[in-house]
Amino acid sequence: MLSNSDPPRPRQNQLVSSGIEGLDDIFNGGFRGNRLYLIEGVPGSGKTTLALQFLRGGVARGESVLYFTLSETRDELDEVA
């Protein structure tokens, strides 16, 4: 449930920045709003970095963010961040 203090959610056709300017250029402006994306790749390909940049952008826009992982420790995430 949204309260009056929650930021508005993007509509399906609105674009949401990936947090990485060059990637947004490739995606013609960013991710489409209200969709689920699966980021897959080999170790070291930048999946965690992309996720952290995306979350950082959300925080900068005043959004609440959550990062959930089963494969990385807090120390590993701190090192990547």
N, C-alpha and C. Protein backbone atom coordinates (compact mmCIF):
# COMPACT_ATOMS: atom_id res chain seq x y z
N MET A 1 0.85 -1.18 0.00
CA MET A 1 0.00 0.00 0.00
C MET A 1 0.89 1.24 0.00
N LEU A 2 0.62 2.18 -0.87
CA LEU A 2 1.38 3.42 -0.94
C LEU A 2 0.77 4.46 -0.03
N SER A 3 1.63 5.22 0.61
CA SER A 3 1.16 6.35 1.40
C SER A 3 1.45 7.63 0.62
N ASN A 4 0.96 8.74 1.10
CA ASN A 4 1.20 10.01 0.41
C ASN A 4 2.66 10.38 0.37
N SER A 5 3.48 9.84 1.26
CA SER A 5 4.90 10.19 1.29
C SER A 5 5.74 9.30 0.37
N ASP A 6 5.15 8.22 -0.19
CA ASP A 6 5.89 7.34 -1.08
C ASP A 6 6.06 8.00 -2.44
N PRO A 7 7.26 7.84 -3.06
CA PRO A 7 7.42 8.41 -4.40
C PRO A 7 6.53 7.67 -5.39
N PRO A 8 6.10 8.35 -6.46
CA PRO A 8 5.24 7.68 -7.43
C PRO A 8 5.98 6.55 -8.12
N ARG A 9 5.26 5.47 -8.43
CA ARG A 9 5.85 4.35 -9.16
C ARG A 9 5.84 4.67 -10.64
N PRO A 10 6.88 4.25 -11.36
CA PRO A 10 6.87 4.50 -12.80
C PRO A 10 5.78 3.68 -13.49
N ARG A 11 5.17 4.25 -14.51
CA ARG A 11 4.21 3.50 -15.30
C ARG A 11 4.96 2.60 -16.27
N GLN A 12 4.27 1.65 -16.85
CA GLN A 12 4.90 0.64 -17.69
C GLN A 12 5.73 1.25 -18.81
N ASN A 13 5.27 2.31 -19.42
CA ASN A 13 6.00 2.89 -20.55
C ASN A 13 7.03 3.93 -20.14
N GLN A 14 7.08 4.29 -18.86
CA GLN A 14 8.08 5.23 -18.40
C GLN A 14 9.42 4.53 -18.32
N LEU A 15 10.48 5.28 -18.54
CA LEU A 15 11.83 4.73 -18.46
C LEU A 15 12.43 5.01 -17.09
N VAL A 16 13.18 4.03 -16.58
CA VAL A 16 13.87 4.14 -15.31
C VAL A 16 15.35 3.96 -15.59
N SER A 17 16.16 4.90 -15.15
CA SER A 17 17.59 4.83 -15.40
C SER A 17 18.21 3.58 -14.78
N SER A 18 19.14 2.98 -15.50
CA SER A 18 19.88 1.84 -14.97
C SER A 18 20.90 2.29 -13.94
N GLY A 19 21.18 3.57 -13.89
CA GLY A 19 22.23 4.09 -13.03
C GLY A 19 23.56 4.20 -13.75
N ILE A 20 23.59 3.74 -15.00
CA ILE A 20 24.81 3.77 -15.81
C ILE A 20 24.47 4.46 -17.13
N GLU A 21 25.01 5.65 -17.34
CA GLU A 21 24.63 6.47 -18.49
C GLU A 21 24.81 5.74 -19.82
N GLY A 22 25.94 5.07 -20.02
CA GLY A 22 26.18 4.37 -21.27
C GLY A 22 25.19 3.24 -21.51
N LEU A 23 24.81 2.54 -20.45
CA LEU A 23 23.83 1.47 -20.59
C LEU A 23 22.45 2.04 -20.92
N ASP A 24 22.11 3.17 -20.30
CA ASP A 24 20.85 3.83 -20.63
C ASP A 24 20.81 4.22 -22.10
N ASP A 25 21.94 4.65 -22.64
CA ASP A 25 22.01 4.97 -24.07
C ASP A 25 21.72 3.74 -24.92
N ILE A 26 22.29 2.60 -24.55
CA ILE A 26 22.06 1.35 -25.29
C ILE A 26 20.59 0.95 -25.21
N PHE A 27 19.99 1.15 -24.04
CA PHE A 27 18.58 0.78 -23.83
C PHE A 27 17.61 1.88 -24.27
N ASN A 28 18.11 2.87 -24.98
CA ASN A 28 17.27 4.00 -25.44
C ASN A 28 16.60 4.72 -24.28
N GLY A 29 17.34 4.93 -23.20
CA GLY A 29 16.83 5.73 -22.09
C GLY A 29 16.71 5.02 -20.77
N GLY A 30 16.81 3.72 -20.73
CA GLY A 30 16.73 3.00 -19.47
C GLY A 30 15.79 1.81 -19.54
N PHE A 31 15.49 1.26 -18.38
CA PHE A 31 14.58 0.13 -18.26
C PHE A 31 13.13 0.62 -18.34
N ARG A 32 12.25 -0.19 -18.85
CA ARG A 32 10.82 0.12 -18.84
C ARG A 32 10.30 -0.08 -17.41
N GLY A 33 9.45 0.83 -16.95
CA GLY A 33 8.91 0.76 -15.60
C GLY A 33 7.98 -0.42 -15.38
N ASN A 34 7.87 -0.84 -14.12
CA ASN A 34 6.95 -1.91 -13.70
C ASN A 34 7.16 -3.22 -14.45
N ARG A 35 8.40 -3.55 -14.70
CA ARG A 35 8.74 -4.84 -15.31
C ARG A 35 9.82 -5.50 -14.48
N LEU A 36 9.93 -6.80 -14.62
CA LEU A 36 10.94 -7.58 -13.91
C LEU A 36 12.04 -7.93 -14.89
N TYR A 37 13.29 -7.71 -14.49
CA TYR A 37 14.43 -8.02 -15.34
C TYR A 37 15.33 -9.02 -14.62
N LEU A 38 15.82 -9.99 -15.35
CA LEU A 38 16.78 -10.96 -14.84
C LEU A 38 18.12 -10.64 -15.47
N ILE A 39 19.11 -10.36 -14.64
CA ILE A 39 20.46 -10.07 -15.12
C ILE A 39 21.28 -11.32 -14.89
N GLU A 40 21.84 -11.87 -15.96
CA GLU A 40 22.57 -13.12 -15.89
C GLU A 40 23.94 -12.93 -16.54
N GLY A 41 24.94 -13.61 -16.01
CA GLY A 41 26.27 -13.55 -16.61
C GLY A 41 27.28 -14.33 -15.81
N VAL A 42 28.44 -14.47 -16.38
CA VAL A 42 29.52 -15.21 -15.72
C VAL A 42 30.08 -14.37 -14.57
N PRO A 43 30.77 -15.01 -13.61
CA PRO A 43 31.39 -14.26 -12.52
C PRO A 43 32.32 -13.17 -13.08
N GLY A 44 32.21 -11.99 -12.49
CA GLY A 44 33.07 -10.89 -12.90
C GLY A 44 32.56 -10.07 -14.06
N SER A 45 31.35 -10.37 -14.54
CA SER A 45 30.82 -9.65 -15.70
C SER A 45 30.14 -8.33 -15.34
N GLY A 46 29.96 -8.04 -14.05
CA GLY A 46 29.42 -6.75 -13.64
C GLY A 46 27.98 -6.77 -13.17
N LYS A 47 27.43 -7.93 -12.89
CA LYS A 47 26.03 -8.03 -12.46
C LYS A 47 25.80 -7.29 -11.14
N THR A 48 26.65 -7.53 -10.17
CA THR A 48 26.50 -6.89 -8.86
C THR A 48 26.72 -5.39 -8.98
N THR A 49 27.70 -4.99 -9.77
CA THR A 49 27.96 -3.56 -9.97
C THR A 49 26.75 -2.88 -10.60
N LEU A 50 26.15 -3.52 -11.60
CA LEU A 50 24.95 -2.97 -12.22
C LEU A 50 23.83 -2.84 -11.19
N ALA A 51 23.62 -3.87 -10.39
CA ALA A 51 22.56 -3.83 -9.39
C ALA A 51 22.79 -2.70 -8.39
N LEU A 52 24.02 -2.54 -7.93
CA LEU A 52 24.31 -1.49 -6.95
C LEU A 52 24.17 -0.10 -7.57
N GLN A 53 24.55 0.07 -8.83
CA GLN A 53 24.38 1.36 -9.51
C GLN A 53 22.89 1.68 -9.68
N PHE A 54 22.10 0.67 -10.03
CA PHE A 54 20.66 0.85 -10.17
C PHE A 54 20.05 1.28 -8.84
N LEU A 55 20.43 0.61 -7.76
CA LEU A 55 19.90 0.95 -6.44
C LEU A 55 20.36 2.35 -6.01
N ARG A 56 21.60 2.67 -6.30
CA ARG A 56 22.13 3.99 -5.96
C ARG A 56 21.32 5.09 -6.67
N GLY A 57 20.97 4.84 -7.93
CA GLY A 57 20.14 5.79 -8.66
C GLY A 57 18.76 5.94 -8.04
N GLY A 58 18.19 4.82 -7.59
CA GLY A 58 16.90 4.88 -6.92
C GLY A 58 16.95 5.69 -5.64
N VAL A 59 17.99 5.50 -4.86
CA VAL A 59 18.16 6.28 -3.62
C VAL A 59 18.27 7.76 -3.96
N ALA A 60 19.02 8.08 -5.02
CA ALA A 60 19.17 9.48 -5.42
C ALA A 60 17.84 10.10 -5.83
N ARG A 61 16.90 9.29 -6.32
CA ARG A 61 15.57 9.77 -6.69
C ARG A 61 14.60 9.73 -5.51
N GLY A 62 15.07 9.36 -4.33
CA GLY A 62 14.22 9.33 -3.15
C GLY A 62 13.40 8.07 -3.01
N GLU A 63 13.76 7.02 -3.73
CA GLU A 63 13.02 5.76 -3.67
C GLU A 63 13.58 4.85 -2.58
N SER A 64 12.75 3.95 -2.09
CA SER A 64 13.21 2.91 -1.18
C SER A 64 13.76 1.78 -2.03
N VAL A 65 14.88 1.21 -1.60
CA VAL A 65 15.51 0.14 -2.38
C VAL A 65 15.84 -1.04 -1.46
N LEU A 66 15.99 -2.22 -2.07
CA LEU A 66 16.35 -3.43 -1.34
C LEU A 66 17.24 -4.28 -2.22
N TYR A 67 18.35 -4.76 -1.66
CA TYR A 67 19.22 -5.68 -2.38
C TYR A 67 19.23 -6.98 -1.60
N PHE A 68 18.89 -8.06 -2.27
CA PHE A 68 18.80 -9.37 -1.63
C PHE A 68 19.72 -10.31 -2.38
N THR A 69 20.60 -10.99 -1.66
CA THR A 69 21.51 -11.93 -2.30
C THR A 69 21.71 -13.14 -1.42
N LEU A 70 21.93 -14.27 -2.04
CA LEU A 70 22.26 -15.50 -1.32
C LEU A 70 23.69 -15.92 -1.60
N SER A 71 24.38 -15.20 -2.48
CA SER A 71 25.68 -15.66 -2.93
C SER A 71 26.85 -14.78 -2.51
N GLU A 72 26.59 -13.62 -1.91
CA GLU A 72 27.67 -12.72 -1.52
C GLU A 72 27.54 -12.34 -0.05
N THR A 73 28.70 -12.26 0.60
CA THR A 73 28.71 -11.81 1.99
C THR A 73 28.67 -10.29 2.03
N ARG A 74 28.41 -9.76 3.19
CA ARG A 74 28.42 -8.30 3.36
C ARG A 74 29.80 -7.73 3.01
N ASP A 75 30.86 -8.39 3.43
CA ASP A 75 32.21 -7.91 3.12
C ASP A 75 32.44 -7.88 1.61
N GLU A 76 31.95 -8.90 0.89
CA GLU A 76 32.11 -8.93 -0.56
C GLU A 76 31.33 -7.77 -1.21
N LEU A 77 30.13 -7.50 -0.73
CA LEU A 77 29.36 -6.39 -1.26
C LEU A 77 30.02 -5.05 -0.96
N ASP A 78 30.54 -4.89 0.25
CA ASP A 78 31.23 -3.66 0.61
C ASP A 78 32.45 -3.45 -0.29
N GLU A 79 33.13 -4.52 -0.63
CA GLU A 79 34.31 -4.42 -1.50
C GLU A 79 33.92 -3.98 -2.91
N VAL A 80 32.83 -4.53 -3.43
CA VAL A 80 32.36 -4.16 -4.77
C VAL A 80 31.86 -2.73 -4.78
N ALA A 81 31.13 -2.35 -3.72
CA ALA A 81 30.55 -1.01 -3.67
C ALA A 81 31.64 0.04 -3.53
